């Protein structure tokens, strides 16, 4: 039978679906998934709320002068409880992803997220209720942050996998950006609508997500791992826009099945296996966790969470809300080039370049802020020209820092996490990487305001040190995985090639399969690259 020419159209639609939101336009079968968007929106929306008068009046403490204020400890609690929930959710999804599949897991955790948003929106004066709501929402955000790279990694063509995973990061940034715009639009409202509207809109996003999940196919790799070959063939044919009877479907199924059976030798996977010496799993899991750890200590989330408060002390003439919108816009613009760079420059080069650029921004902003900014609370009319220039310098390099992060360290660790593990331990290893991200996100959001209160802009020197460490770590331990299928990434690690030589490494897994089944697996190379 003649082979049909495969198309990536459906796979691209699903990547957009998983990155944007799940409203489906049946006329053209175009789907958008709000998972990444929800993730980013929830991160960004709280920073503006923390300085809204009605929010402070409801959840603040009474100061010595009788006025309400939000102490650094209360800011930490409100902000960090989301991250505590995300840590738990990222680990918990490993159980649901295997038991209920990738599609079913997204449904479960999207529902939990929506419940958490409802609890927050219904809060009147109880700081306990709003923090519990943020924790519940965090469970959903954390779980989805792990499931989405897992799902995209398993459904994307290998030549476009990095681009699809960067697309997820782009939607996180768009979510953050929109939350800043809404904070700017509503902050002047004199009642609770100032913060309830931006927070409550997440109910709309959550319901859109829930309604669109029913149009998602299951991951073909998960289906084959569960011996559901008929369903897997249907999905593979759909993703490649060919009939189920097409020879391309037979070849893809056979290659995936061959690799999955090789991976699954040894029985059911355990959490301990993620750190075993088998196939260098300990190194792969460690790399995934370490990249997420370094990403959180890049310094960018400090600006996301506390940028409004921090920039007030810089004496800028711009509203802190406007500064946040600028940061959000810069993040969106910075992430767009990463859609191409991730597949041209590759993973290693992106991480190495980003570490150096961000380190330079951190040390300049930190030292300029420390030596030139006026003490916190200084009235604007008392600021000297030196103070203002220092504030402008700090903000300028903060913007450059966020731009560099968005292009390099924002998307790349998630790309690496989504493509580095064999099927048998993939949900668990991705869960550990995501949980590491959220653990350090929690610690940063909890302790950063306290540290900044004591040492001010010098907190940026901590991030400078971590970025230099990140450069060394990537050079020594992170291999290049650009252009490899998930099964070939597994072979890369088993080969023992040094990370600094990995860009020139060539896979041999497909050659082995072709030797065993020469008549059945002969195919055109460019078609293989286009397929799932």
Protein backbone atom coordinates (compact mmCIF):
# COMPACT_ATOMS: atom_id res chain seq x y z
CA UNK A 1 0.00 0.00 0.00
CA UNK A 2 1.33 3.45 -0.88
CA UNK A 3 2.30 5.65 2.02
CA UNK A 4 0.44 8.93 2.65
CA UNK A 5 2.49 12.04 3.28
CA UNK A 6 2.31 12.76 7.04
CA UNK A 7 1.25 16.17 8.29
CA UNK A 8 2.08 17.87 11.60
CA UNK A 9 -1.07 20.01 11.52
CA UNK A 10 -3.02 18.04 14.12
CA UNK A 11 0.01 17.68 16.42
CA UNK A 12 0.57 21.44 16.20
CA UNK A 13 -3.07 22.07 17.06
CA UNK A 14 -2.75 19.84 20.12
CA UNK A 15 0.40 21.64 21.24
CA UNK A 16 -1.46 24.94 20.99
CA UNK A 17 -4.34 23.21 22.77
CA UNK A 18 -2.10 22.22 25.66
CA UNK A 19 -0.34 25.57 25.79
CA UNK A 20 -3.19 28.05 25.34
CA UNK A 21 -6.56 26.72 26.42
CA UNK A 22 -9.21 24.18 25.59
CA UNK A 23 -11.89 25.99 23.73
CA UNK A 24 -12.55 24.15 20.49
CA UNK A 25 -13.71 25.72 17.26
CA UNK A 26 -15.39 22.81 15.50
CA UNK A 27 -15.44 24.54 12.12
CA UNK A 28 -11.70 24.25 11.74
CA UNK A 29 -10.92 21.80 14.56
CA UNK A 30 -8.59 24.36 16.16
CA UNK A 31 -8.12 23.84 19.88
CA UNK A 32 -6.55 26.05 22.55
CA UNK A 33 -5.64 24.78 26.04
CA UNK A 34 -5.43 27.21 28.95
CA UNK A 35 -3.12 25.07 31.06
CA UNK A 36 0.06 27.11 30.57
CA UNK A 37 -2.00 30.29 30.49
CA UNK A 38 -3.60 29.42 33.86
CA UNK A 39 -0.21 28.61 35.33
CA UNK A 40 1.20 32.02 34.37
CA UNK A 41 -1.92 34.02 35.18
CA UNK A 42 -2.07 32.61 38.70
CA UNK A 43 1.62 33.45 39.30
CA UNK A 44 1.26 37.03 38.12
CA UNK A 45 -2.11 38.12 39.46
CA UNK A 46 -1.20 38.10 43.16
CA UNK A 47 1.68 40.59 42.90
CA UNK A 48 -0.66 43.44 41.99
CA UNK A 49 -3.23 42.45 44.59
CA UNK A 50 -0.68 42.80 47.39
CA UNK A 51 -0.64 46.59 47.07
CA UNK A 52 -4.32 47.21 46.29
CA UNK A 53 -5.94 49.32 49.08
CA UNK A 54 -9.05 47.13 49.45
CA UNK A 55 -6.93 43.94 49.56
CA UNK A 56 -4.69 45.46 52.25
CA UNK A 57 -7.73 46.67 54.20
CA UNK A 58 -9.25 43.16 54.23
CA UNK A 59 -6.18 41.02 54.83
CA UNK A 60 -3.64 43.39 56.39
CA UNK A 61 -2.67 44.16 59.98
CA UNK A 62 -3.17 47.36 61.94
CA UNK A 63 0.06 49.33 62.25
CA UNK A 64 1.19 51.63 65.10
CA UNK A 65 -0.40 54.59 63.31
CA UNK A 66 -3.75 52.81 63.10
CA UNK A 67 -3.51 52.23 59.32
CA UNK A 68 -3.75 48.80 57.73
CA UNK A 69 -0.63 47.32 56.08
CA UNK A 70 0.51 43.95 54.72
CA UNK A 71 3.60 42.83 56.58
CA UNK A 72 6.30 40.88 54.77
CA UNK A 73 5.23 37.76 56.71
CA UNK A 74 1.63 38.02 55.48
CA UNK A 75 2.80 38.70 51.95
CA UNK A 76 4.94 35.57 52.20
CA UNK A 77 2.06 33.42 53.45
CA UNK A 78 -0.42 34.61 50.82
CA UNK A 79 2.09 34.19 48.00
CA UNK A 80 3.84 31.01 49.09
CA UNK A 81 0.79 28.86 49.88
CA UNK A 82 0.16 28.54 46.15
CA UNK A 83 3.69 27.20 45.75
CA UNK A 84 3.21 24.76 48.65
CA UNK A 85 0.15 23.38 46.85
CA UNK A 86 1.99 23.15 43.54
CA UNK A 87 4.74 21.06 45.18
CA UNK A 88 2.19 18.51 46.40
CA UNK A 89 0.27 18.57 43.11
CA UNK A 90 3.38 18.03 40.98
CA UNK A 91 4.15 14.82 42.89
CA UNK A 92 0.54 13.63 43.09
CA UNK A 93 0.01 13.78 39.33
CA UNK A 94 2.46 10.91 38.86
CA UNK A 95 -0.14 8.58 40.35
CA UNK A 96 -3.04 9.91 38.28
CA UNK A 97 -1.06 10.10 35.02
CA UNK A 98 -0.30 6.39 35.11
CA UNK A 99 -3.67 5.27 36.45
CA UNK A 100 -6.07 7.52 34.55
CA UNK A 101 -3.88 8.51 31.61
CA UNK A 102 -2.59 11.95 30.62
CA UNK A 103 -6.00 13.13 29.41
CA UNK A 104 -7.89 11.99 32.51
CA UNK A 105 -5.29 13.58 34.79
CA UNK A 106 -5.67 16.97 33.12
CA UNK A 107 -9.43 16.76 33.74
CA UNK A 108 -9.02 15.91 37.43
CA UNK A 109 -6.49 18.59 38.23
CA UNK A 110 -8.22 21.30 36.21
CA UNK A 111 -11.33 20.69 38.33
CA UNK A 112 -9.30 20.99 41.55
CA UNK A 113 -7.76 24.24 40.33
CA UNK A 114 -11.21 25.70 39.60
CA UNK A 115 -12.41 24.82 43.11
CA UNK A 116 -9.42 26.62 44.61
CA UNK A 117 -10.14 29.76 42.60
CA UNK A 118 -13.77 29.71 43.77
CA UNK A 119 -12.62 29.56 47.40
CA UNK A 120 -10.31 32.57 46.88
CA UNK A 121 -12.91 34.64 45.06
CA UNK A 122 -15.50 34.07 47.78
CA UNK A 123 -13.22 35.31 50.56
CA UNK A 124 -14.36 38.40 52.48
CA UNK A 125 -11.93 39.12 55.36
CA UNK A 126 -10.39 35.75 56.22
CA UNK A 127 -6.71 35.44 55.41
CA UNK A 128 -7.06 31.74 56.29
CA UNK A 129 -9.68 31.22 53.57
CA UNK A 130 -7.73 32.98 50.85
CA UNK A 131 -4.53 31.09 51.66
CA UNK A 132 -6.41 27.75 51.69
CA UNK A 133 -7.91 28.66 48.34
CA UNK A 134 -4.47 29.42 46.96
CA UNK A 135 -3.19 26.09 48.27
CA UNK A 136 -6.03 24.18 46.56
CA UNK A 137 -5.50 26.08 43.32
CA UNK A 138 -1.81 25.35 43.66
CA UNK A 139 -2.51 21.61 43.68
CA UNK A 140 -4.01 21.95 40.21
CA UNK A 141 -1.35 24.31 38.90
CA UNK A 142 1.48 22.08 40.13
CA UNK A 143 -0.02 18.91 38.68
CA UNK A 144 -0.73 20.54 35.32
CA UNK A 145 2.79 21.99 35.20
CA UNK A 146 4.09 18.41 35.20
CA UNK A 147 1.44 16.76 33.02
CA UNK A 148 1.68 19.26 30.17
CA UNK A 149 5.42 18.78 29.39
CA UNK A 150 4.77 15.04 29.74
CA UNK A 151 1.85 15.12 27.28
CA UNK A 152 3.50 17.47 24.79
CA UNK A 153 6.72 15.46 24.87
CA UNK A 154 4.82 12.25 24.07
CA UNK A 155 2.65 13.62 21.25
CA UNK A 156 5.06 16.00 19.48
CA UNK A 157 7.15 15.13 16.38
CA UNK A 158 10.79 14.98 17.46
CA UNK A 159 11.84 17.77 15.07
CA UNK A 160 9.28 20.11 16.70
CA UNK A 161 9.17 18.83 20.28
CA UNK A 162 11.34 21.60 21.68
CA UNK A 163 9.26 24.24 19.90
CA UNK A 164 6.03 22.76 21.28
CA UNK A 165 7.38 22.74 24.83
CA UNK A 166 8.56 26.34 24.46
CA UNK A 167 5.04 27.17 23.29
CA UNK A 168 3.85 26.05 26.72
CA UNK A 169 6.28 28.47 28.37
CA UNK A 170 5.11 31.23 26.04
CA UNK A 171 1.58 30.81 27.29
CA UNK A 172 2.74 30.92 30.90
CA UNK A 173 4.27 34.30 30.10
CA UNK A 174 1.15 35.48 28.27
CA UNK A 175 -0.86 34.51 31.34
CA UNK A 176 1.44 36.57 33.55
CA UNK A 177 1.24 39.50 31.14
CA UNK A 178 -2.56 39.49 31.03
CA UNK A 179 -2.75 39.32 34.83
CA UNK A 180 -0.60 42.46 35.02
CA UNK A 181 -2.85 44.26 32.55
CA UNK A 182 -5.95 43.36 34.55
CA UNK A 183 -4.29 44.44 37.81
CA UNK A 184 -3.49 47.77 36.16
CA UNK A 185 -7.07 48.10 34.88
CA UNK A 186 -8.78 47.31 38.20
CA UNK A 187 -6.44 48.57 40.94
CA UNK A 188 -8.13 51.97 41.17
CA UNK A 189 -11.60 50.51 41.89
CA UNK A 190 -12.56 51.50 45.43
CA UNK A 191 -14.05 48.17 46.50
CA UNK A 192 -13.26 44.45 46.45
CA UNK A 193 -13.83 44.27 42.69
CA UNK A 194 -10.29 45.68 42.36
CA UNK A 195 -8.89 42.25 43.26
CA UNK A 196 -11.90 39.93 42.92
CA UNK A 197 -12.22 40.58 39.18
CA UNK A 198 -8.63 39.55 38.24
CA UNK A 199 -8.69 36.64 40.70
CA UNK A 200 -12.22 35.51 39.80
CA UNK A 201 -11.56 35.54 36.05
CA UNK A 202 -9.60 32.35 36.63
CA UNK A 203 -12.98 30.65 37.06
CA UNK A 204 -13.68 31.45 33.41
CA UNK A 205 -10.27 30.15 32.32
CA UNK A 206 -10.78 26.98 34.39
CA UNK A 207 -14.22 26.27 32.93
CA UNK A 208 -12.88 26.77 29.39
CA UNK A 209 -10.13 24.27 30.17
CA UNK A 210 -12.58 21.73 31.55
CA UNK A 211 -14.87 22.02 28.53
CA UNK A 212 -12.06 21.48 26.02
CA UNK A 213 -10.35 18.49 27.63
CA UNK A 214 -12.91 16.16 26.06
CA UNK A 215 -11.39 16.92 22.65
CA UNK A 216 -7.91 15.73 23.68
CA UNK A 217 -6.67 12.34 22.45
CA UNK A 218 -4.68 10.19 24.85
CA UNK A 219 -0.89 9.94 24.50
CA UNK A 220 -0.04 7.13 22.03
CA UNK A 221 3.00 6.15 24.09
CA UNK A 222 0.83 5.78 27.20
CA UNK A 223 -1.69 3.69 25.26
CA UNK A 224 1.01 1.36 23.91
CA UNK A 225 2.50 1.09 27.39
CA UNK A 226 -0.94 -0.12 28.55
CA UNK A 227 -1.26 -2.61 25.63
CA UNK A 228 -4.03 -0.56 24.01
CA UNK A 229 -2.60 -0.77 20.50
CA UNK A 230 -5.86 -0.21 18.60
CA UNK A 231 -6.45 3.13 20.35
CA UNK A 232 -2.79 4.07 19.90
CA UNK A 233 -3.03 3.45 16.16
CA UNK A 234 -6.06 5.73 15.96
CA UNK A 235 -4.24 8.56 17.75
CA UNK A 236 -1.05 8.16 15.70
CA UNK A 237 -3.05 8.27 12.47
CA UNK A 238 -4.85 11.41 13.69
CA UNK A 239 -1.65 13.18 14.75
CA UNK A 240 -0.02 12.48 11.38
CA UNK A 241 -3.19 13.08 9.31
CA UNK A 242 -3.02 9.68 7.59
CA UNK A 243 -5.45 6.70 7.49
CA UNK A 244 -5.07 4.04 10.19
CA UNK A 245 -4.21 1.50 7.48
CA UNK A 246 -1.28 3.58 6.21
CA UNK A 247 2.18 1.89 6.41
CA UNK A 248 3.49 4.91 8.33
CA UNK A 249 1.21 4.03 11.25
CA UNK A 250 2.54 0.44 11.24
CA UNK A 251 6.14 1.67 11.31
CA UNK A 252 5.58 4.19 14.11
CA UNK A 253 3.71 1.64 16.22
CA UNK A 254 6.44 -0.94 15.70
CA UNK A 255 9.26 1.49 16.56
CA UNK A 256 7.48 2.78 19.67
CA UNK A 257 6.54 -0.72 20.78
CA UNK A 258 10.11 -1.94 20.30
CA UNK A 259 11.52 0.90 22.40
CA UNK A 260 8.83 0.66 25.10
CA UNK A 261 9.38 -3.08 25.55
CA UNK A 262 13.12 -2.48 25.86
CA UNK A 263 12.45 0.22 28.48
CA UNK A 264 10.02 -1.94 30.45
CA UNK A 265 12.31 -4.91 30.97
CA UNK A 266 12.47 -5.46 34.73
CA UNK A 267 8.83 -5.05 35.70
CA UNK A 268 6.86 -2.15 37.12
CA UNK A 269 8.75 1.07 37.83
CA UNK A 270 9.11 2.44 41.35
CA UNK A 271 10.05 5.86 42.69
CA UNK A 272 13.42 4.48 43.74
CA UNK A 273 14.14 3.51 40.14
CA UNK A 274 14.21 7.20 39.21
CA UNK A 275 17.55 7.30 41.06
CA UNK A 276 18.88 3.90 39.97
CA UNK A 277 22.02 3.33 37.92
CA UNK A 278 19.94 1.53 35.26
CA UNK A 279 20.23 3.52 32.02
CA UNK A 280 21.75 6.41 34.02
CA UNK A 281 18.34 7.25 35.48
CA UNK A 282 19.89 8.81 38.58
CA UNK A 283 21.80 11.25 36.41
CA UNK A 284 18.77 12.10 34.27
CA UNK A 285 16.48 12.67 37.24
CA UNK A 286 19.19 14.65 38.99
CA UNK A 287 19.69 16.84 35.91
CA UNK A 288 15.97 17.51 35.61
CA UNK A 289 15.71 18.47 39.28
CA UNK A 290 18.87 20.58 39.22
CA UNK A 291 17.78 22.61 36.18
CA UNK A 292 14.47 23.38 37.87
CA UNK A 293 16.30 24.40 41.05
CA UNK A 294 18.64 26.73 39.16
CA UNK A 295 15.75 28.16 37.15
CA UNK A 296 13.92 29.22 40.32
CA UNK A 297 17.04 30.91 41.69
CA UNK A 298 17.62 32.87 38.46
CA UNK A 299 15.96 35.86 40.13
CA UNK A 300 13.11 36.42 37.72
CA UNK A 301 10.36 35.18 40.03
CA UNK A 302 11.45 37.74 42.59
CA UNK A 303 10.39 40.40 40.09
CA UNK A 304 7.19 38.54 39.21
CA UNK A 305 6.01 38.15 42.79
CA UNK A 306 7.34 41.28 44.46
CA UNK A 307 8.12 43.59 41.54
CA UNK A 308 5.36 46.07 42.43
CA UNK A 309 6.58 46.40 46.00
CA UNK A 310 10.28 46.38 45.10
CA UNK A 311 10.04 49.02 42.38
CA UNK A 312 8.24 51.43 44.70
CA UNK A 313 11.52 51.77 46.57
CA UNK A 314 13.33 52.53 43.30
CA UNK A 315 11.61 55.93 43.15
CA UNK A 316 10.40 55.54 39.59
CA UNK A 317 7.85 58.03 38.28
CA UNK A 318 5.95 55.16 36.66
CA UNK A 319 3.22 53.35 38.55
CA UNK A 320 4.41 49.99 39.89
CA UNK A 321 1.54 48.44 37.93
CA UNK A 322 2.88 49.96 34.73
CA UNK A 323 6.34 48.59 35.51
CA UNK A 324 4.84 45.12 35.92
CA UNK A 325 3.02 45.41 32.59
CA UNK A 326 6.33 46.39 30.98
CA UNK A 327 8.02 43.35 32.53
CA UNK A 328 5.21 41.13 31.30
CA UNK A 329 5.44 42.52 27.76
CA UNK A 330 9.21 42.05 27.77
CA UNK A 331 8.73 38.43 28.86
CA UNK A 332 6.34 37.73 25.99
CA UNK A 333 8.66 39.34 23.43
CA UNK A 334 11.66 37.47 24.87
CA UNK A 335 9.98 34.06 24.69
CA UNK A 336 9.02 34.31 21.01
CA UNK A 337 12.62 33.90 19.67
CA UNK A 338 13.00 30.82 21.87
CA UNK A 339 10.46 29.02 19.65
CA UNK A 340 13.19 28.94 16.98
CA UNK A 341 16.36 29.05 19.08
CA UNK A 342 15.47 25.86 20.96
CA UNK A 343 15.76 23.87 17.71
CA UNK A 344 18.57 25.86 16.07
CA UNK A 345 20.90 26.71 18.95
CA UNK A 346 19.80 23.70 20.95
CA UNK A 347 19.29 23.18 24.68
CA UNK A 348 22.88 23.46 25.96
CA UNK A 349 23.79 26.63 24.10
CA UNK A 350 20.57 28.34 25.18
CA UNK A 351 21.21 27.54 28.85
CA UNK A 352 24.88 28.56 28.75
CA UNK A 353 24.18 31.86 26.98
CA UNK A 354 21.28 32.69 29.26
CA UNK A 355 23.25 32.03 32.43
CA UNK A 356 25.95 34.54 31.47
CA UNK A 357 23.53 37.25 30.33
CA UNK A 358 21.33 36.98 33.42
CA UNK A 359 24.34 36.89 35.75
CA UNK A 360 25.57 40.18 34.29
CA UNK A 361 22.14 41.77 34.76
CA UNK A 362 21.89 40.53 38.35
CA UNK A 363 25.20 41.90 39.54
CA UNK A 364 24.76 45.28 37.85
CA UNK A 365 21.20 45.73 39.17
CA UNK A 366 22.15 44.52 42.63
CA UNK A 367 25.18 46.76 43.07
CA UNK A 368 23.53 49.80 41.45
CA UNK A 369 20.52 49.38 43.71
CA UNK A 370 22.59 48.89 46.85
CA UNK A 371 24.86 51.90 46.37
CA UNK A 372 22.42 54.39 44.85
CA UNK A 373 18.85 53.74 46.05
CA UNK A 374 17.38 55.78 48.89
CA UNK A 375 16.22 53.95 52.04
CA UNK A 376 12.83 52.26 51.76
CA UNK A 377 10.00 54.66 52.55
CA UNK A 378 11.81 57.82 51.42
CA UNK A 379 9.35 60.36 50.01
CA UNK A 380 9.70 60.97 46.25
CA UNK A 381 10.32 64.69 46.72
CA UNK A 382 13.38 63.85 48.87
CA UNK A 383 15.03 61.64 46.27
CA UNK A 384 18.28 62.95 44.80
CA UNK A 385 19.25 62.70 41.15
CA UNK A 386 21.66 59.92 42.17
CA UNK A 387 18.80 57.96 43.75
CA UNK A 388 16.68 58.35 40.63
CA UNK A 389 19.49 57.29 38.30
CA UNK A 390 20.11 54.26 40.50
CA UNK A 391 16.45 53.37 40.38
CA UNK A 392 16.39 53.71 36.60
CA UNK A 393 19.49 51.50 36.32
CA UNK A 394 17.98 48.83 38.55
CA UNK A 395 14.75 48.78 36.54
CA UNK A 396 16.57 48.75 33.19
CA UNK A 397 18.66 45.72 34.11
CA UNK A 398 15.68 44.04 35.72
CA UNK A 399 13.97 44.32 32.33
CA UNK A 400 17.04 42.90 30.54
CA UNK A 401 17.22 40.11 33.11
CA UNK A 402 13.60 39.14 32.54
CA UNK A 403 14.09 39.32 28.74
CA UNK A 404 17.11 36.99 28.89
CA UNK A 405 15.33 34.60 31.23
CA UNK A 406 12.30 34.43 28.94
CA UNK A 407 14.48 33.56 25.94
CA UNK A 408 16.71 30.96 27.60
CA UNK A 409 16.16 29.73 31.17
CA UNK A 410 12.39 30.15 31.19
CA UNK A 411 11.51 27.52 28.55
CA UNK A 412 14.60 25.31 28.27
CA UNK A 413 14.47 23.47 31.63
CA UNK A 414 10.84 22.51 30.88
CA UNK A 415 11.86 21.28 27.43
CA UNK A 416 14.62 19.19 28.95
CA UNK A 417 12.28 17.83 31.63
CA UNK A 418 9.70 16.79 29.06
CA UNK A 419 12.08 14.76 26.89
CA UNK A 420 14.70 13.14 29.15
CA UNK A 421 13.05 10.02 30.61
CA UNK A 422 11.95 6.56 29.41
CA UNK A 423 8.23 5.83 29.48
CA UNK A 424 8.33 3.53 32.50
CA UNK A 425 9.49 6.30 34.87
CA UNK A 426 8.52 9.39 32.87
CA UNK A 427 5.56 10.57 35.03
CA UNK A 428 7.53 10.03 38.24
CA UNK A 429 10.74 11.69 37.05
CA UNK A 430 8.87 14.67 35.61
CA UNK A 431 6.94 14.88 38.89
CA UNK A 432 10.22 15.09 40.82
CA UNK A 433 11.53 17.82 38.52
CA UNK A 434 8.31 19.85 38.72
CA UNK A 435 8.11 19.38 42.49
CA UNK A 436 11.68 20.68 42.78
CA UNK A 437 10.65 23.76 40.81
CA UNK A 438 7.69 24.41 43.08
CA UNK A 439 9.58 23.63 46.31
CA UNK A 440 12.13 26.33 45.52
CA UNK A 441 9.38 28.60 44.22
CA UNK A 442 7.76 28.23 47.65
CA UNK A 443 11.01 28.87 49.53
CA UNK A 444 11.80 31.89 47.35
CA UNK A 445 8.33 33.43 47.72
CA UNK A 446 8.36 32.81 51.48
CA UNK A 447 11.86 34.02 52.33
CA UNK A 448 12.63 36.56 49.56
CA UNK A 449 10.65 39.47 51.10
CA UNK A 450 12.32 38.86 54.46
CA UNK A 451 15.78 38.73 52.90
CA UNK A 452 15.10 41.79 50.73
CA UNK A 453 13.86 43.65 53.81
CA UNK A 454 17.25 43.05 55.45
CA UNK A 455 19.70 43.43 52.56
CA UNK A 456 17.66 45.18 49.85
CA UNK A 457 18.91 44.90 46.26
CA UNK A 458 21.90 42.82 47.38
CA UNK A 459 19.52 39.85 47.23
CA UNK A 460 20.27 39.94 43.49
CA UNK A 461 23.86 38.88 44.23
CA UNK A 462 22.50 35.55 45.51
CA UNK A 463 20.92 35.04 42.10
CA UNK A 464 24.20 36.10 40.45
CA UNK A 465 26.06 33.33 42.28
CA UNK A 466 23.44 30.75 41.32
CA UNK A 467 23.64 31.72 37.65
CA UNK A 468 27.40 31.24 37.61
CA UNK A 469 26.90 27.85 39.25
CA UNK A 470 24.26 27.09 36.61
CA UNK A 471 26.70 27.81 33.79
CA UNK A 472 29.26 25.38 35.20
CA UNK A 473 26.63 22.71 35.88
CA UNK A 474 25.16 22.86 32.38
CA UNK A 475 28.59 22.66 30.76
CA UNK A 476 29.61 19.60 32.78
CA UNK A 477 26.38 17.61 33.04
CA UNK A 478 23.65 18.57 30.52
CA UNK A 479 23.77 16.79 27.12
CA UNK A 480 22.29 18.13 23.90
CA UNK A 481 18.96 16.43 23.05
CA UNK A 482 17.95 18.55 20.04
CA UNK A 483 16.45 16.57 17.15
CA UNK A 484 16.24 13.22 19.00
CA UNK A 485 13.12 11.15 19.58
CA UNK A 486 12.30 10.29 23.22
CA UNK A 487 13.61 6.78 22.61
CA UNK A 488 16.84 8.17 21.11
CA UNK A 489 17.33 10.40 24.16
CA UNK A 490 17.20 7.22 26.21
CA UNK A 491 19.89 5.73 23.98
CA UNK A 492 21.99 8.91 24.31
CA UNK A 493 22.16 8.52 28.07
CA UNK A 494 22.91 4.81 27.86
CA UNK A 495 25.79 5.50 25.46
CA UNK A 496 27.77 7.39 28.12
CA UNK A 497 28.76 10.22 25.75
CA UNK A 498 30.21 13.28 27.49
CA UNK A 499 27.80 16.26 27.57
CA UNK A 500 30.25 18.59 25.81
CA UNK A 501 30.51 16.06 22.94
CA UNK A 502 26.81 15.19 22.81
CA UNK A 503 25.89 17.65 20.03
CA UNK A 504 27.73 15.41 17.52
CA UNK A 505 26.33 12.11 18.81
CA UNK A 506 24.23 9.99 16.40
CA UNK A 507 21.56 7.46 17.49
CA UNK A 508 21.61 3.77 16.49
CA UNK A 509 18.33 2.50 17.96
CA UNK A 510 16.44 2.69 14.65
CA UNK A 511 19.31 0.93 12.87
CA UNK A 512 19.00 -1.97 15.32
CA UNK A 513 15.26 -2.25 14.65
CA UNK A 514 15.81 -2.16 10.90
CA UNK A 515 18.36 -4.98 11.10
CA UNK A 516 15.83 -7.15 12.93
CA UNK A 517 12.94 -6.23 10.56
CA UNK A 518 14.52 -5.00 7.32
CA UNK A 519 11.55 -5.60 5.04
CA UNK A 520 8.97 -4.08 7.37
CA UNK A 521 10.80 -0.94 8.49
CA UNK A 522 12.29 0.47 5.30
CA UNK A 523 11.09 4.06 4.96
CA UNK A 524 12.00 7.52 3.83
CA UNK A 525 14.07 9.50 6.38
CA UNK A 526 12.39 12.85 5.98
CA UNK A 527 8.97 11.29 6.58
CA UNK A 528 10.21 9.72 9.81
CA UNK A 529 11.32 13.11 11.08
CA UNK A 530 7.87 14.53 10.50
CA UNK A 531 6.04 11.75 12.35
CA UNK A 532 5.31 11.40 16.08
